[in-house]
Amino acid sequence: MKFNIIGRKLTINDKNSEYVKRKIGKLDKFFKSEPEARIVLGSVKDKEYIEATIYYDGIIFRAEVIDTDIFTATDKALDIIERQIRKNKTKLEKRTKREAFSDSKLFSGEDYYEEENPEFNIVKRKRFQVKPMSAEEAVLQMNLLGHSFFVFKNQDTDELNVVYRRKDGNYAVIESTD
């Protein structure tokens, strides 16, 4: 696993770095090729936190844990990511097996309808006109509506973007790339 360990308001010593690499490195057994791990270690007031993000084959696994020490937080983050991997691994295997037989149904002349995934229950759909605006205007609009995110067309790039409120109270923008 390729590691990128970053410290925020926390000095990363060899003990912290080696512990994180050893613990998060245990996740290698789930991957066929080498994933990339971005680990952010930091401290807020009297607590320490870890933001662990693993990038593998277009899939992102992420955990964010705040605890009294970095070692306990790392253990909890490992459990969270391992649970995410196990959950998604079975879903991906099922999808692969289902798609292996889908071509034969298509060519046999039978009606073929992809099954709805019962695990994702979409209860509402909205359609709205996306208006060009700046990210700051989008944040203002989001706050006026009382939402935690807002979709808008960036007036500078003419691309679809999303602004959202982070857990720490700040705002972030998700931009699309080609």
N, C-alpha and C. Protein backbone atom coordinates (compact mmCIF):
# COMPACT_ATOMS: atom_id res chain seq x y z
N MET A 1 0.85 -1.17 0.00
CA MET A 1 0.00 0.00 0.00
C MET A 1 0.89 1.23 0.00
N LYS A 2 0.53 2.19 -0.85
CA LYS A 2 1.27 3.46 -0.89
C LYS A 2 0.66 4.38 0.16
N PHE A 3 1.49 4.93 1.02
CA PHE A 3 1.00 5.79 2.09
C PHE A 3 1.41 7.24 1.85
N ASN A 4 0.48 8.12 2.15
CA ASN A 4 0.74 9.56 2.16
C ASN A 4 0.21 10.05 3.51
N ILE A 5 1.10 10.24 4.47
CA ILE A 5 0.70 10.63 5.82
C ILE A 5 0.97 12.11 6.02
N ILE A 6 -0.09 12.82 6.44
CA ILE A 6 -0.03 14.27 6.60
C ILE A 6 -0.38 14.61 8.05
N GLY A 7 0.31 15.58 8.62
CA GLY A 7 0.03 16.01 9.99
C GLY A 7 -0.55 17.41 10.01
N ARG A 8 -1.63 17.58 10.79
CA ARG A 8 -2.23 18.90 10.97
C ARG A 8 -2.29 19.20 12.46
N LYS A 9 -1.55 20.21 12.86
CA LYS A 9 -1.44 20.59 14.26
C LYS A 9 -1.01 19.41 15.13
N LEU A 10 -0.21 18.54 14.55
CA LEU A 10 0.30 17.37 15.24
C LEU A 10 1.60 16.96 14.55
N THR A 11 2.64 16.82 15.33
CA THR A 11 3.90 16.38 14.74
C THR A 11 3.86 14.87 14.61
N ILE A 12 4.19 14.40 13.43
CA ILE A 12 4.17 12.97 13.16
C ILE A 12 5.56 12.42 13.46
N ASN A 13 5.62 11.57 14.48
CA ASN A 13 6.89 10.93 14.80
C ASN A 13 6.90 9.51 14.22
N ASP A 14 8.03 8.83 14.36
CA ASP A 14 8.16 7.48 13.80
C ASP A 14 7.17 6.51 14.44
N LYS A 15 6.91 6.69 15.73
CA LYS A 15 6.00 5.79 16.45
C LYS A 15 4.59 5.89 15.85
N ASN A 16 4.09 7.11 15.66
CA ASN A 16 2.77 7.31 15.06
C ASN A 16 2.72 6.77 13.64
N SER A 17 3.72 7.12 12.85
CA SER A 17 3.76 6.74 11.45
C SER A 17 3.80 5.22 11.29
N GLU A 18 4.66 4.56 12.03
CA GLU A 18 4.79 3.10 11.94
C GLU A 18 3.52 2.40 12.40
N TYR A 19 2.88 2.92 13.45
CA TYR A 19 1.64 2.31 13.94
C TYR A 19 0.54 2.40 12.89
N VAL A 20 0.40 3.58 12.29
CA VAL A 20 -0.63 3.78 11.27
C VAL A 20 -0.35 2.89 10.06
N LYS A 21 0.91 2.83 9.62
CA LYS A 21 1.26 2.00 8.47
C LYS A 21 1.01 0.52 8.75
N ARG A 22 1.32 0.09 9.95
CA ARG A 22 1.13 -1.31 10.32
C ARG A 22 -0.35 -1.66 10.37
N LYS A 23 -1.14 -0.80 11.01
CA LYS A 23 -2.58 -1.07 11.15
C LYS A 23 -3.32 -0.97 9.81
N ILE A 24 -3.17 0.15 9.13
CA ILE A 24 -3.88 0.36 7.86
C ILE A 24 -3.33 -0.58 6.79
N GLY A 25 -2.06 -0.94 6.89
CA GLY A 25 -1.45 -1.88 5.95
C GLY A 25 -2.09 -3.26 5.97
N LYS A 26 -2.78 -3.59 7.06
CA LYS A 26 -3.47 -4.88 7.15
C LYS A 26 -4.58 -5.00 6.11
N LEU A 27 -5.04 -3.87 5.60
CA LEU A 27 -6.11 -3.88 4.61
C LEU A 27 -5.64 -4.35 3.24
N ASP A 28 -4.32 -4.49 3.05
CA ASP A 28 -3.77 -4.95 1.77
C ASP A 28 -4.35 -6.29 1.34
N LYS A 29 -4.72 -7.12 2.30
CA LYS A 29 -5.22 -8.46 1.97
C LYS A 29 -6.52 -8.42 1.16
N PHE A 30 -7.23 -7.29 1.17
CA PHE A 30 -8.49 -7.18 0.45
C PHE A 30 -8.32 -6.75 -1.01
N PHE A 31 -7.13 -6.31 -1.39
CA PHE A 31 -6.92 -5.73 -2.71
C PHE A 31 -5.99 -6.58 -3.56
N LYS A 32 -6.31 -6.65 -4.87
CA LYS A 32 -5.47 -7.41 -5.80
C LYS A 32 -4.23 -6.62 -6.18
N SER A 33 -4.43 -5.32 -6.48
CA SER A 33 -3.29 -4.46 -6.80
C SER A 33 -3.08 -3.49 -5.64
N GLU A 34 -2.04 -2.70 -5.74
CA GLU A 34 -1.66 -1.82 -4.63
C GLU A 34 -2.54 -0.57 -4.55
N PRO A 35 -3.29 -0.42 -3.45
CA PRO A 35 -4.11 0.79 -3.27
C PRO A 35 -3.26 1.94 -2.74
N GLU A 36 -3.84 3.14 -2.76
CA GLU A 36 -3.17 4.32 -2.24
C GLU A 36 -3.93 4.80 -1.01
N ALA A 37 -3.20 5.06 0.07
CA ALA A 37 -3.83 5.51 1.31
C ALA A 37 -3.37 6.93 1.63
N ARG A 38 -4.34 7.80 1.88
CA ARG A 38 -4.04 9.18 2.31
C ARG A 38 -4.52 9.29 3.75
N ILE A 39 -3.58 9.48 4.67
CA ILE A 39 -3.88 9.52 6.09
C ILE A 39 -3.55 10.92 6.61
N VAL A 40 -4.55 11.55 7.25
CA VAL A 40 -4.34 12.85 7.87
C VAL A 40 -4.47 12.65 9.37
N LEU A 41 -3.41 12.98 10.10
CA LEU A 41 -3.41 12.92 11.56
C LEU A 41 -3.40 14.34 12.09
N GLY A 42 -4.22 14.59 13.09
CA GLY A 42 -4.27 15.94 13.61
C GLY A 42 -4.79 15.99 15.03
N SER A 43 -4.83 17.19 15.57
CA SER A 43 -5.37 17.38 16.91
C SER A 43 -6.28 18.60 16.93
N VAL A 44 -7.36 18.46 17.72
CA VAL A 44 -8.31 19.53 17.92
C VAL A 44 -8.56 19.60 19.40
N LYS A 45 -8.26 20.75 19.99
CA LYS A 45 -8.37 20.94 21.44
C LYS A 45 -7.59 19.85 22.16
N ASP A 46 -8.25 19.02 22.96
CA ASP A 46 -7.54 17.99 23.72
C ASP A 46 -7.71 16.61 23.11
N LYS A 47 -8.17 16.54 21.87
CA LYS A 47 -8.40 15.25 21.20
C LYS A 47 -7.57 15.17 19.93
N GLU A 48 -7.36 13.93 19.48
CA GLU A 48 -6.63 13.70 18.25
C GLU A 48 -7.54 12.99 17.25
N TYR A 49 -7.27 13.20 15.96
CA TYR A 49 -8.13 12.59 14.96
C TYR A 49 -7.32 12.00 13.81
N ILE A 50 -7.99 11.10 13.10
CA ILE A 50 -7.42 10.51 11.90
C ILE A 50 -8.48 10.56 10.81
N GLU A 51 -8.06 10.98 9.63
CA GLU A 51 -8.89 10.91 8.43
C GLU A 51 -8.18 9.95 7.50
N ALA A 52 -8.71 8.76 7.35
CA ALA A 52 -8.09 7.74 6.50
C ALA A 52 -8.91 7.57 5.24
N THR A 53 -8.26 7.74 4.09
CA THR A 53 -8.92 7.58 2.80
C THR A 53 -8.10 6.62 1.95
N ILE A 54 -8.76 5.58 1.44
CA ILE A 54 -8.07 4.60 0.61
C ILE A 54 -8.69 4.63 -0.78
N TYR A 55 -7.84 4.83 -1.78
CA TYR A 55 -8.26 4.87 -3.17
C TYR A 55 -7.85 3.56 -3.83
N TYR A 56 -8.87 2.87 -4.40
CA TYR A 56 -8.57 1.60 -5.06
C TYR A 56 -9.51 1.41 -6.24
N ASP A 57 -8.97 1.36 -7.42
CA ASP A 57 -9.72 1.00 -8.63
C ASP A 57 -11.00 1.84 -8.78
N GLY A 58 -10.91 3.14 -8.55
CA GLY A 58 -12.05 4.02 -8.71
C GLY A 58 -13.02 4.05 -7.53
N ILE A 59 -12.73 3.29 -6.49
CA ILE A 59 -13.57 3.24 -5.30
C ILE A 59 -12.82 3.93 -4.16
N ILE A 60 -13.55 4.69 -3.36
CA ILE A 60 -12.94 5.40 -2.23
C ILE A 60 -13.54 4.87 -0.95
N PHE A 61 -12.67 4.45 -0.03
CA PHE A 61 -13.09 4.04 1.30
C PHE A 61 -12.55 5.09 2.26
N ARG A 62 -13.42 5.57 3.18
CA ARG A 62 -13.01 6.69 4.03
C ARG A 62 -13.55 6.53 5.44
N ALA A 63 -12.73 6.92 6.41
CA ALA A 63 -13.16 6.94 7.81
C ALA A 63 -12.54 8.16 8.48
N GLU A 64 -13.31 8.78 9.36
CA GLU A 64 -12.85 9.93 10.12
C GLU A 64 -13.22 9.68 11.57
N VAL A 65 -12.21 9.63 12.44
CA VAL A 65 -12.44 9.30 13.85
C VAL A 65 -11.70 10.30 14.74
N ILE A 66 -12.40 10.76 15.78
CA ILE A 66 -11.81 11.63 16.79
C ILE A 66 -11.82 10.86 18.11
N ASP A 67 -10.67 10.83 18.80
CA ASP A 67 -10.59 10.12 20.07
C ASP A 67 -9.51 10.78 20.94
N THR A 68 -9.31 10.22 22.13
CA THR A 68 -8.36 10.81 23.07
C THR A 68 -6.91 10.66 22.60
N ASP A 69 -6.60 9.56 21.92
CA ASP A 69 -5.25 9.42 21.37
C ASP A 69 -5.31 8.86 19.96
N ILE A 70 -4.23 9.04 19.25
CA ILE A 70 -4.18 8.69 17.83
C ILE A 70 -4.22 7.18 17.62
N PHE A 71 -3.74 6.41 18.58
CA PHE A 71 -3.71 4.96 18.44
C PHE A 71 -5.12 4.36 18.50
N THR A 72 -5.92 4.84 19.43
CA THR A 72 -7.31 4.37 19.54
C THR A 72 -8.10 4.81 18.31
N ALA A 73 -7.88 6.03 17.87
CA ALA A 73 -8.57 6.54 16.68
C ALA A 73 -8.20 5.72 15.45
N THR A 74 -6.95 5.34 15.33
CA THR A 74 -6.49 4.52 14.20
C THR A 74 -7.18 3.16 14.21
N ASP A 75 -7.27 2.54 15.38
CA ASP A 75 -7.94 1.24 15.49
C ASP A 75 -9.40 1.34 15.07
N LYS A 76 -10.08 2.39 15.50
CA LYS A 76 -11.49 2.57 15.14
C LYS A 76 -11.65 2.83 13.64
N ALA A 77 -10.74 3.63 13.08
CA ALA A 77 -10.79 3.92 11.64
C ALA A 77 -10.55 2.64 10.83
N LEU A 78 -9.64 1.79 11.30
CA LEU A 78 -9.38 0.51 10.63
C LEU A 78 -10.64 -0.34 10.61
N ASP A 79 -11.35 -0.42 11.73
CA ASP A 79 -12.59 -1.19 11.81
C ASP A 79 -13.64 -0.66 10.84
N ILE A 80 -13.77 0.66 10.77
CA ILE A 80 -14.76 1.28 9.89
C ILE A 80 -14.46 0.96 8.42
N ILE A 81 -13.21 1.14 8.02
CA ILE A 81 -12.85 0.90 6.62
C ILE A 81 -12.96 -0.58 6.28
N GLU A 82 -12.57 -1.44 7.21
CA GLU A 82 -12.68 -2.88 6.95
C GLU A 82 -14.15 -3.27 6.75
N ARG A 83 -15.04 -2.69 7.54
CA ARG A 83 -16.47 -2.96 7.39
C ARG A 83 -16.96 -2.47 6.03
N GLN A 84 -16.50 -1.28 5.60
CA GLN A 84 -16.90 -0.75 4.29
C GLN A 84 -16.41 -1.66 3.17
N ILE A 85 -15.18 -2.14 3.28
CA ILE A 85 -14.61 -3.00 2.24
C ILE A 85 -15.39 -4.31 2.15
N ARG A 86 -15.65 -4.92 3.30
CA ARG A 86 -16.39 -6.19 3.30
C ARG A 86 -17.78 -6.01 2.70
N LYS A 87 -18.45 -4.92 3.06
CA LYS A 87 -19.80 -4.66 2.56
C LYS A 87 -19.78 -4.46 1.05
N ASN A 88 -18.86 -3.65 0.57
CA ASN A 88 -18.79 -3.36 -0.86
C ASN A 88 -18.23 -4.53 -1.66
N LYS A 89 -17.39 -5.34 -1.05
CA LYS A 89 -16.82 -6.49 -1.75
C LYS A 89 -17.92 -7.46 -2.15
N THR A 90 -18.84 -7.76 -1.26
CA THR A 90 -19.92 -8.68 -1.59
C THR A 90 -20.85 -8.06 -2.64
N LYS A 91 -21.10 -6.76 -2.56
CA LYS A 91 -21.94 -6.11 -3.56
C LYS A 91 -21.30 -6.18 -4.94
N LEU A 92 -19.99 -5.92 -5.01
CA LEU A 92 -19.29 -5.96 -6.29
C LEU A 92 -19.25 -7.38 -6.85
N GLU A 93 -19.06 -8.37 -5.99
CA GLU A 93 -19.04 -9.76 -6.45
C GLU A 93 -20.40 -10.16 -7.00
N LYS A 94 -21.47 -9.77 -6.32
CA LYS A 94 -22.82 -10.08 -6.79
C LYS A 94 -23.09 -9.43 -8.14
N ARG A 95 -22.68 -8.17 -8.27
CA ARG A 95 -22.90 -7.45 -9.52
C ARG A 95 -22.12 -8.11 -10.65
N THR A 96 -20.89 -8.53 -10.39
CA THR A 96 -20.07 -9.18 -11.41
C THR A 96 -20.70 -10.49 -11.85
N LYS A 97 -21.19 -11.27 -10.91
CA LYS A 97 -21.82 -12.55 -11.25
C LYS A 97 -23.10 -12.32 -12.04
N ARG A 98 -23.89 -11.34 -11.66
CA ARG A 98 -25.14 -11.05 -12.35
C ARG A 98 -24.86 -10.58 -13.77
N GLU A 99 -23.84 -9.75 -13.95
CA GLU A 99 -23.52 -9.23 -15.28
C GLU A 99 -22.92 -10.30 -16.18
N ALA A 100 -22.34 -11.34 -15.60
CA ALA A 100 -21.75 -12.41 -16.40
C ALA A 100 -22.81 -13.13 -17.22
N PHE A 101 -24.03 -13.18 -16.72
CA PHE A 101 -25.10 -13.88 -17.42
C PHE A 101 -26.05 -12.94 -18.16
N SER A 102 -25.86 -11.66 -18.01
CA SER A 102 -26.80 -10.71 -18.62
C SER A 102 -26.72 -10.72 -20.13
N ASP A 103 -25.54 -10.96 -20.71
CA ASP A 103 -25.41 -10.97 -22.16
C ASP A 103 -26.22 -12.09 -22.79
N SER A 104 -26.26 -13.26 -22.18
CA SER A 104 -27.01 -14.37 -22.73
C SER A 104 -28.50 -14.04 -22.75
N LYS A 105 -29.00 -13.33 -21.77
CA LYS A 105 -30.41 -12.93 -21.75
C LYS A 105 -30.67 -11.91 -22.85
N LEU A 106 -29.71 -11.02 -23.08
CA LEU A 106 -29.91 -10.00 -24.10
C LEU A 106 -30.00 -10.62 -25.48
N PHE A 107 -29.16 -11.62 -25.76
CA PHE A 107 -29.12 -12.21 -27.09
C PHE A 107 -30.17 -13.29 -27.30
N SER A 108 -30.82 -13.76 -26.24
CA SER A 108 -31.81 -14.81 -26.38
C SER A 108 -33.17 -14.26 -26.80
N GLY A 109 -33.35 -12.96 -26.80
CA GLY A 109 -34.62 -12.37 -27.18
C GLY A 109 -35.56 -12.18 -26.01
N GLU A 110 -35.18 -12.62 -24.82
CA GLU A 110 -36.01 -12.43 -23.64
C GLU A 110 -35.96 -10.98 -23.21
N ASP A 111 -37.01 -10.55 -22.53
CA ASP A 111 -36.98 -9.21 -21.96
C ASP A 111 -35.98 -9.20 -20.82
N TYR A 112 -35.19 -8.19 -20.79
CA TYR A 112 -34.16 -8.09 -19.75
C TYR A 112 -34.34 -6.77 -19.03
N TYR A 113 -34.55 -6.84 -17.74
CA TYR A 113 -34.66 -5.65 -16.92
C TYR A 113 -33.68 -5.79 -15.78
N GLU A 114 -32.84 -4.80 -15.60
CA GLU A 114 -31.91 -4.84 -14.48
C GLU A 114 -32.69 -4.65 -13.19
N GLU A 115 -32.38 -5.50 -12.23
CA GLU A 115 -33.10 -5.45 -10.96
C GLU A 115 -32.75 -4.19 -10.20
N GLU A 116 -33.74 -3.64 -9.53
CA GLU A 116 -33.49 -2.51 -8.65
C GLU A 116 -32.72 -3.02 -7.44
N ASN A 117 -31.79 -2.25 -6.96
CA ASN A 117 -31.04 -2.64 -5.78
C ASN A 117 -31.86 -2.28 -4.54
N PRO A 118 -32.37 -3.26 -3.83
CA PRO A 118 -33.24 -2.97 -2.70
C PRO A 118 -32.53 -2.29 -1.54
N GLU A 119 -31.20 -2.29 -1.54
CA GLU A 119 -30.46 -1.67 -0.45
C GLU A 119 -30.45 -0.14 -0.54
N PHE A 120 -30.75 0.40 -1.73
CA PHE A 120 -30.77 1.83 -1.92
C PHE A 120 -32.20 2.23 -2.24
N ASN A 121 -32.90 2.71 -1.28
CA ASN A 121 -34.30 3.06 -1.44
C ASN A 121 -34.41 4.56 -1.72
N ILE A 122 -34.56 4.92 -2.98
CA ILE A 122 -34.70 6.33 -3.36
C ILE A 122 -36.15 6.71 -3.14
N VAL A 123 -36.39 7.64 -2.23
CA VAL A 123 -37.75 7.99 -1.86
C VAL A 123 -38.24 9.28 -2.52
N LYS A 124 -37.32 10.03 -3.12
CA LYS A 124 -37.74 11.30 -3.71
C LYS A 124 -36.80 11.69 -4.83
N ARG A 125 -37.34 12.28 -5.86
CA ARG A 125 -36.54 12.82 -6.96
C ARG A 125 -36.94 14.26 -7.17
N LYS A 126 -35.96 15.10 -7.45
CA LYS A 126 -36.23 16.51 -7.70
C LYS A 126 -35.62 16.90 -9.04
N ARG A 127 -36.30 17.77 -9.73
CA ARG A 127 -35.78 18.35 -10.96
C ARG A 127 -35.80 19.86 -10.77
N PHE A 128 -34.73 20.49 -11.16
CA PHE A 128 -34.69 21.94 -11.04
C PHE A 128 -33.73 22.49 -12.08
N GLN A 129 -33.94 23.74 -12.39
CA GLN A 129 -33.09 24.42 -13.36
C GLN A 129 -31.83 24.90 -12.66
N VAL A 130 -30.69 24.57 -13.23
CA VAL A 130 -29.41 24.96 -12.65
C VAL A 130 -29.00 26.29 -13.24
N LYS A 131 -28.75 27.26 -12.37
CA LYS A 131 -28.42 28.61 -12.83
C LYS A 131 -26.94 28.89 -12.63
N PRO A 132 -26.30 29.60 -13.57
CA PRO A 132 -24.90 29.97 -13.41
C PRO A 132 -24.72 30.93 -12.24
N MET A 133 -23.74 30.64 -11.38
CA MET A 133 -23.42 31.51 -10.25
C MET A 133 -22.03 31.17 -9.74
N SER A 134 -21.53 32.01 -8.85
CA SER A 134 -20.22 31.75 -8.24
C SER A 134 -20.41 30.81 -7.05
N ALA A 135 -19.32 30.26 -6.56
CA ALA A 135 -19.38 29.35 -5.42
C ALA A 135 -19.90 30.07 -4.18
N GLU A 136 -19.52 31.34 -4.01
CA GLU A 136 -19.99 32.12 -2.87
C GLU A 136 -21.50 32.33 -2.92
N GLU A 137 -22.02 32.60 -4.12
CA GLU A 137 -23.47 32.75 -4.27
C GLU A 137 -24.19 31.44 -3.97
N ALA A 138 -23.57 30.33 -4.37
CA ALA A 138 -24.16 29.01 -4.13
C ALA A 138 -24.22 28.72 -2.63
N VAL A 139 -23.17 29.10 -1.89
CA VAL A 139 -23.17 28.91 -0.44
C VAL A 139 -24.27 29.75 0.19
N LEU A 140 -24.41 30.98 -0.26
CA LEU A 140 -25.46 31.85 0.24
C LEU A 140 -26.84 31.26 -0.03
N GLN A 141 -27.05 30.77 -1.25
CA GLN A 141 -28.32 30.15 -1.62
C GLN A 141 -28.59 28.91 -0.78
N MET A 142 -27.55 28.09 -0.57
CA MET A 142 -27.68 26.89 0.24
C MET A 142 -28.11 27.24 1.66
N ASN A 143 -27.48 28.26 2.23
CA ASN A 143 -27.83 28.68 3.59
C ASN A 143 -29.24 29.25 3.66
N LEU A 144 -29.64 29.99 2.63
CA LEU A 144 -31.00 30.52 2.60
C LEU A 144 -32.05 29.40 2.57
N LEU A 145 -31.73 28.32 1.85
CA LEU A 145 -32.66 27.19 1.76
C LEU A 145 -32.59 26.28 2.99
N GLY A 146 -31.51 26.40 3.77
CA GLY A 146 -31.35 25.54 4.94
C GLY A 146 -30.88 24.15 4.59
N HIS A 147 -30.23 23.98 3.43
CA HIS A 147 -29.73 22.67 3.01
C HIS A 147 -28.28 22.49 3.42
N SER A 148 -27.79 21.24 3.33
CA SER A 148 -26.39 20.97 3.65
C SER A 148 -25.54 20.89 2.38
N PHE A 149 -26.16 20.91 1.20
CA PHE A 149 -25.43 20.96 -0.06
C PHE A 149 -26.28 21.69 -1.09
N PHE A 150 -25.63 22.10 -2.19
CA PHE A 150 -26.35 22.83 -3.24
C PHE A 150 -25.65 22.59 -4.57
N VAL A 151 -26.42 22.22 -5.59
CA VAL A 151 -25.89 21.98 -6.93
C VAL A 151 -26.05 23.25 -7.75
N PHE A 152 -24.99 23.65 -8.45
CA PHE A 152 -25.04 24.87 -9.25
C PHE A 152 -24.12 24.77 -10.45
N LYS A 153 -24.34 25.63 -11.42
CA LYS A 153 -23.47 25.71 -12.59
C LYS A 153 -22.47 26.83 -12.35
N ASN A 154 -21.20 26.50 -12.35
CA ASN A 154 -20.15 27.47 -12.07
C ASN A 154 -20.07 28.46 -13.23
N GLN A 155 -20.23 29.74 -12.93
CA GLN A 155 -20.23 30.77 -13.98
C GLN A 155 -18.87 30.94 -14.63
N ASP A 156 -17.79 30.57 -13.94
CA ASP A 156 -16.45 30.72 -14.50
C ASP A 156 -16.07 29.56 -15.42
N THR A 157 -16.42 28.33 -15.02
CA THR A 157 -16.01 27.15 -15.78
C THR A 157 -17.14 26.56 -16.61
N ASP A 158 -18.38 27.00 -16.36
CA ASP A 158 -19.56 26.51 -17.06
C ASP A 158 -19.77 25.00 -16.84
N GLU A 159 -19.31 24.50 -15.68
CA GLU A 159 -19.47 23.09 -15.33
C GLU A 159 -20.35 22.96 -14.11
N LEU A 160 -20.91 21.76 -13.94
CA LEU A 160 -21.75 21.47 -12.80
C LEU A 160 -20.89 21.27 -11.56
N ASN A 161 -21.19 21.97 -10.47
CA ASN A 161 -20.45 21.88 -9.21
C ASN A 161 -21.42 21.68 -8.06
N VAL A 162 -20.89 21.26 -6.92
CA VAL A 162 -21.67 21.10 -5.70
C VAL A 162 -20.92 21.78 -4.57
N VAL A 163 -21.62 22.59 -3.78
CA VAL A 163 -21.04 23.12 -2.54
C VAL A 163 -21.72 22.39 -1.39
N TYR A 164 -20.95 22.18 -0.32
CA TYR A 164 -21.52 21.52 0.85
C TYR A 164 -20.88 22.02 2.12
N ARG A 165 -21.59 21.84 3.22
CA ARG A 165 -21.10 22.24 4.53
C ARG A 165 -20.38 21.05 5.15
N ARG A 166 -19.13 21.27 5.56
CA ARG A 166 -18.34 20.22 6.18
C ARG A 166 -18.69 20.08 7.66
N LYS A 167 -18.26 18.98 8.26
CA LYS A 167 -18.52 18.74 9.68
C LYS A 167 -17.89 19.81 10.57
N ASP A 168 -16.78 20.39 10.10
CA ASP A 168 -16.10 21.39 10.91
C ASP A 168 -16.71 22.79 10.74
N GLY A 169 -17.81 22.91 9.96
CA GLY A 169 -18.50 24.19 9.81
C GLY A 169 -18.05 24.99 8.59
N ASN A 170 -16.97 24.58 7.94
CA ASN A 170 -16.51 25.26 6.74
C ASN A 170 -17.27 24.74 5.53
N TYR A 171 -16.96 25.29 4.35
CA TYR A 171 -17.63 24.90 3.12
C TYR A 171 -16.62 24.33 2.14
N ALA A 172 -17.09 23.46 1.26
CA ALA A 172 -16.23 22.87 0.24
C ALA A 172 -16.98 22.82 -1.09
N VAL A 173 -16.22 22.76 -2.18
CA VAL A 173 -16.78 22.69 -3.52
C VAL A 173 -16.32 21.41 -4.18
N ILE A 174 -17.24 20.70 -4.80
CA ILE A 174 -16.89 19.52 -5.60
C ILE A 174 -17.02 19.94 -7.05
N GLU A 175 -15.89 19.82 -7.76
CA GLU A 175 -15.84 20.21 -9.17
C GLU A 175 -15.69 18.96 -10.03
N SER A 176 -16.32 18.96 -11.19
CA SER A 176 -16.20 17.82 -12.09
C SER A 176 -14.94 17.96 -12.93
N THR A 177 -14.37 16.81 -13.30
CA THR A 177 -13.19 16.81 -14.18
C THR A 177 -13.48 15.89 -15.35
N ASP A 178 -12.78 16.10 -16.43
CA ASP A 178 -12.96 15.26 -17.62
C ASP A 178 -12.02 14.10 -17.62
